[in-house]
Amino acid sequence: MLSARRLRHADRRSRTGCQDGAEKTALRIDLWTKEMMIDEMTDFFYQTLMTMADTYDRATQHQELVEEMKKFAHEFYHKSREKQMQENKA
């Protein structure tokens, strides 16, 4: 469930995608606004990566690969947060 803060900002970002079966390519449209903060983008990417891992899990049951995807998502999230903190100190 979205928190009140998240609900107010839910219209700031969106990702839509579909796959071209004939070309085997993904079409995606990223919709961002200039007001979106880096920490919000980090959260959004983390949530997207975790959702992709869950979708892959349901489709394939390849637990080892799913765990690698989730591990990457966690590492990405923490590295991004660390980088933000370093930049904020500078």
N, C-alpha and C. Protein backbone atom coordinates (compact mmCIF):
# COMPACT_ATOMS: atom_id res chain seq x y z
N MET A 1 0.84 -1.18 0.00
CA MET A 1 0.00 0.00 0.00
C MET A 1 0.89 1.24 0.00
N LEU A 2 0.51 2.23 -0.77
CA LEU A 2 1.28 3.46 -0.85
C LEU A 2 1.04 4.33 0.37
N SER A 3 2.11 4.89 0.90
CA SER A 3 1.96 5.83 2.00
C SER A 3 1.39 7.13 1.44
N ALA A 4 0.95 8.00 2.32
CA ALA A 4 0.38 9.28 1.87
C ALA A 4 1.40 10.07 1.06
N ARG A 5 2.66 10.06 1.51
CA ARG A 5 3.71 10.79 0.79
C ARG A 5 3.92 10.19 -0.59
N ARG A 6 3.98 8.88 -0.66
CA ARG A 6 4.19 8.20 -1.93
C ARG A 6 3.00 8.44 -2.86
N LEU A 7 1.80 8.43 -2.30
CA LEU A 7 0.61 8.63 -3.10
C LEU A 7 0.62 10.01 -3.74
N ARG A 8 1.04 11.03 -2.97
CA ARG A 8 1.12 12.39 -3.51
C ARG A 8 2.12 12.49 -4.64
N HIS A 9 3.18 11.69 -4.59
CA HIS A 9 4.25 11.78 -5.58
C HIS A 9 4.17 10.68 -6.63
N ALA A 10 3.14 9.85 -6.58
CA ALA A 10 3.04 8.73 -7.51
C ALA A 10 2.95 9.19 -8.96
N ASP A 11 2.44 10.40 -9.18
CA ASP A 11 2.32 10.88 -10.55
C ASP A 11 3.62 11.41 -11.12
N ARG A 12 4.69 11.44 -10.35
CA ARG A 12 5.98 11.95 -10.81
C ARG A 12 6.72 10.97 -11.70
N ARG A 13 6.42 9.69 -11.57
CA ARG A 13 7.20 8.72 -12.30
C ARG A 13 6.31 7.57 -12.76
N SER A 14 6.72 7.01 -13.87
CA SER A 14 5.98 5.88 -14.40
C SER A 14 6.89 5.17 -15.38
N ARG A 15 6.68 3.90 -15.52
CA ARG A 15 7.42 3.14 -16.51
C ARG A 15 6.42 2.23 -17.19
N THR A 16 6.41 2.26 -18.48
CA THR A 16 5.52 1.43 -19.26
C THR A 16 6.38 0.65 -20.24
N GLY A 17 6.08 -0.60 -20.42
CA GLY A 17 6.86 -1.39 -21.35
C GLY A 17 6.06 -2.50 -21.97
N CYS A 18 6.53 -2.95 -23.10
CA CYS A 18 5.95 -4.11 -23.76
C CYS A 18 7.03 -4.71 -24.66
N GLN A 19 6.79 -5.91 -25.10
CA GLN A 19 7.79 -6.59 -25.91
C GLN A 19 7.27 -6.79 -27.32
N ASP A 20 8.13 -6.53 -28.29
CA ASP A 20 7.84 -6.81 -29.69
C ASP A 20 8.24 -8.26 -29.93
N GLY A 21 7.27 -9.14 -30.02
CA GLY A 21 7.54 -10.57 -30.18
C GLY A 21 8.31 -10.90 -31.44
N ALA A 22 8.03 -10.21 -32.52
CA ALA A 22 8.71 -10.49 -33.79
C ALA A 22 10.16 -10.06 -33.76
N GLU A 23 10.43 -8.91 -33.19
CA GLU A 23 11.79 -8.37 -33.15
C GLU A 23 12.57 -8.82 -31.92
N LYS A 24 11.87 -9.37 -30.93
CA LYS A 24 12.49 -9.79 -29.66
C LYS A 24 13.18 -8.62 -28.97
N THR A 25 12.54 -7.47 -29.01
CA THR A 25 13.06 -6.29 -28.35
C THR A 25 11.99 -5.70 -27.43
N ALA A 26 12.43 -4.99 -26.43
CA ALA A 26 11.50 -4.36 -25.49
C ALA A 26 11.32 -2.90 -25.86
N LEU A 27 10.10 -2.48 -25.83
CA LEU A 27 9.78 -1.07 -26.01
C LEU A 27 9.47 -0.54 -24.62
N ARG A 28 10.09 0.53 -24.25
CA ARG A 28 9.78 1.11 -22.94
C ARG A 28 9.69 2.61 -23.06
N ILE A 29 8.89 3.15 -22.20
CA ILE A 29 8.72 4.59 -22.13
C ILE A 29 8.91 4.99 -20.68
N ASP A 30 9.94 5.76 -20.40
CA ASP A 30 10.18 6.27 -19.05
C ASP A 30 9.63 7.68 -18.97
N LEU A 31 8.78 7.89 -18.01
CA LEU A 31 8.19 9.21 -17.82
C LEU A 31 8.69 9.77 -16.50
N TRP A 32 9.52 10.80 -16.57
CA TRP A 32 10.09 11.42 -15.37
C TRP A 32 9.75 12.89 -15.40
N THR A 33 9.76 13.48 -14.25
CA THR A 33 9.60 14.93 -14.18
C THR A 33 10.88 15.52 -13.61
N LYS A 34 11.08 16.79 -13.86
CA LYS A 34 12.27 17.47 -13.35
C LYS A 34 12.27 17.55 -11.84
N GLU A 35 11.09 17.44 -11.23
CA GLU A 35 10.99 17.53 -9.77
C GLU A 35 11.43 16.26 -9.07
N MET A 36 11.63 15.17 -9.79
CA MET A 36 11.96 13.90 -9.16
C MET A 36 13.37 13.97 -8.57
N MET A 37 13.46 13.63 -7.30
CA MET A 37 14.73 13.66 -6.60
C MET A 37 15.49 12.35 -6.84
N ILE A 38 16.82 12.39 -6.66
CA ILE A 38 17.64 11.20 -6.87
C ILE A 38 17.23 10.08 -5.93
N ASP A 39 16.91 10.40 -4.67
CA ASP A 39 16.51 9.35 -3.74
C ASP A 39 15.19 8.70 -4.17
N GLU A 40 14.30 9.48 -4.76
CA GLU A 40 13.06 8.91 -5.28
C GLU A 40 13.34 8.00 -6.47
N MET A 41 14.27 8.41 -7.33
CA MET A 41 14.63 7.58 -8.47
C MET A 41 15.29 6.28 -8.00
N THR A 42 16.14 6.38 -6.99
CA THR A 42 16.79 5.19 -6.43
C THR A 42 15.74 4.22 -5.90
N ASP A 43 14.77 4.75 -5.14
CA ASP A 43 13.69 3.90 -4.63
C ASP A 43 12.92 3.24 -5.76
N PHE A 44 12.60 4.03 -6.77
CA PHE A 44 11.83 3.52 -7.91
C PHE A 44 12.60 2.43 -8.64
N PHE A 45 13.88 2.62 -8.88
CA PHE A 45 14.68 1.60 -9.55
C PHE A 45 14.78 0.33 -8.70
N TYR A 46 14.99 0.51 -7.41
CA TYR A 46 15.06 -0.65 -6.51
C TYR A 46 13.75 -1.45 -6.58
N GLN A 47 12.63 -0.76 -6.46
CA GLN A 47 11.34 -1.43 -6.51
C GLN A 47 11.13 -2.12 -7.86
N THR A 48 11.54 -1.47 -8.94
CA THR A 48 11.39 -2.06 -10.28
C THR A 48 12.24 -3.32 -10.41
N LEU A 49 13.49 -3.26 -9.95
CA LEU A 49 14.37 -4.43 -10.04
C LEU A 49 13.82 -5.59 -9.21
N MET A 50 13.31 -5.29 -8.01
CA MET A 50 12.75 -6.35 -7.17
C MET A 50 11.49 -6.94 -7.79
N THR A 51 10.66 -6.10 -8.40
CA THR A 51 9.45 -6.58 -9.07
C THR A 51 9.81 -7.45 -10.27
N MET A 52 10.84 -7.04 -11.01
CA MET A 52 11.30 -7.85 -12.14
C MET A 52 11.78 -9.21 -11.67
N ALA A 53 12.49 -9.24 -10.55
CA ALA A 53 12.98 -10.51 -10.00
C ALA A 53 11.80 -11.40 -9.61
N ASP A 54 10.79 -10.81 -8.97
CA ASP A 54 9.61 -11.58 -8.58
C ASP A 54 8.88 -12.12 -9.81
N THR A 55 8.75 -11.31 -10.84
CA THR A 55 8.10 -11.75 -12.07
C THR A 55 8.88 -12.89 -12.71
N TYR A 56 10.20 -12.74 -12.75
CA TYR A 56 11.05 -13.79 -13.31
C TYR A 56 10.91 -15.08 -12.51
N ASP A 57 10.83 -14.95 -11.19
CA ASP A 57 10.67 -16.11 -10.32
C ASP A 57 9.36 -16.84 -10.63
N ARG A 58 8.27 -16.10 -10.71
CA ARG A 58 6.98 -16.73 -11.00
C ARG A 58 6.98 -17.42 -12.36
N ALA A 59 7.69 -16.85 -13.32
CA ALA A 59 7.69 -17.39 -14.68
C ALA A 59 8.62 -18.59 -14.83
N THR A 60 9.74 -18.61 -14.07
CA THR A 60 10.77 -19.62 -14.33
C THR A 60 11.09 -20.54 -13.16
N GLN A 61 10.84 -20.08 -11.94
CA GLN A 61 11.24 -20.77 -10.73
C GLN A 61 12.75 -21.02 -10.68
N HIS A 62 13.53 -20.16 -11.29
CA HIS A 62 15.00 -20.24 -11.26
C HIS A 62 15.50 -19.45 -10.06
N GLN A 63 15.41 -20.07 -8.88
CA GLN A 63 15.71 -19.40 -7.62
C GLN A 63 17.11 -18.79 -7.56
N GLU A 64 18.09 -19.49 -8.08
CA GLU A 64 19.46 -18.98 -8.01
C GLU A 64 19.59 -17.66 -8.76
N LEU A 65 19.00 -17.58 -9.94
CA LEU A 65 19.07 -16.35 -10.71
C LEU A 65 18.24 -15.24 -10.06
N VAL A 66 17.11 -15.61 -9.50
CA VAL A 66 16.27 -14.63 -8.81
C VAL A 66 17.03 -14.03 -7.63
N GLU A 67 17.71 -14.86 -6.87
CA GLU A 67 18.49 -14.37 -5.74
C GLU A 67 19.61 -13.44 -6.19
N GLU A 68 20.23 -13.75 -7.33
CA GLU A 68 21.28 -12.86 -7.86
C GLU A 68 20.70 -11.51 -8.25
N MET A 69 19.52 -11.52 -8.86
CA MET A 69 18.87 -10.27 -9.24
C MET A 69 18.55 -9.43 -8.00
N LYS A 70 18.01 -10.09 -6.97
CA LYS A 70 17.66 -9.37 -5.75
C LYS A 70 18.90 -8.87 -5.02
N LYS A 71 19.97 -9.65 -5.05
CA LYS A 71 21.23 -9.22 -4.44
C LYS A 71 21.74 -7.97 -5.14
N PHE A 72 21.69 -7.97 -6.48
CA PHE A 72 22.11 -6.80 -7.23
C PHE A 72 21.25 -5.59 -6.86
N ALA A 73 19.94 -5.79 -6.76
CA ALA A 73 19.04 -4.69 -6.41
C ALA A 73 19.41 -4.09 -5.06
N HIS A 74 19.68 -4.95 -4.08
CA HIS A 74 20.08 -4.47 -2.75
C HIS A 74 21.40 -3.72 -2.82
N GLU A 75 22.39 -4.27 -3.53
CA GLU A 75 23.70 -3.61 -3.65
C GLU A 75 23.57 -2.26 -4.34
N PHE A 76 22.79 -2.22 -5.40
CA PHE A 76 22.56 -0.98 -6.13
C PHE A 76 21.96 0.07 -5.20
N TYR A 77 20.95 -0.34 -4.44
CA TYR A 77 20.27 0.58 -3.54
C TYR A 77 21.25 1.15 -2.51
N HIS A 78 22.02 0.29 -1.87
CA HIS A 78 22.93 0.75 -0.83
C HIS A 78 24.07 1.59 -1.40
N LYS A 79 24.61 1.22 -2.56
CA LYS A 79 25.67 2.02 -3.18
C LYS A 79 25.16 3.39 -3.59
N SER A 80 23.94 3.43 -4.10
CA SER A 80 23.36 4.72 -4.48
C SER A 80 23.17 5.62 -3.27
N ARG A 81 22.67 5.05 -2.18
CA ARG A 81 22.48 5.82 -0.95
C ARG A 81 23.81 6.33 -0.42
N GLU A 82 24.85 5.48 -0.44
CA GLU A 82 26.17 5.90 0.02
C GLU A 82 26.70 7.05 -0.83
N LYS A 83 26.52 6.94 -2.14
CA LYS A 83 26.99 7.99 -3.05
C LYS A 83 26.27 9.31 -2.77
N GLN A 84 24.97 9.23 -2.52
CA GLN A 84 24.21 10.43 -2.20
C GLN A 84 24.72 11.09 -0.92
N MET A 85 24.99 10.28 0.08
CA MET A 85 25.49 10.81 1.35
C MET A 85 26.84 11.47 1.15
N GLN A 86 27.71 10.87 0.35
CA GLN A 86 29.03 11.45 0.07
C GLN A 86 28.87 12.78 -0.66
N GLU A 87 27.99 12.82 -1.65
CA GLU A 87 27.79 14.05 -2.41
C GLU A 87 27.17 15.15 -1.56
N ASN A 88 26.32 14.76 -0.62
CA ASN A 88 25.68 15.75 0.25
C ASN A 88 26.69 16.36 1.24
N LYS A 89 27.75 15.60 1.58
CA LYS A 89 28.78 16.11 2.48
C LYS A 89 29.71 17.09 1.78
N ALA A 90 29.86 16.91 0.47
CA ALA A 90 30.81 17.74 -0.29
C ALA A 90 30.32 19.15 -0.49
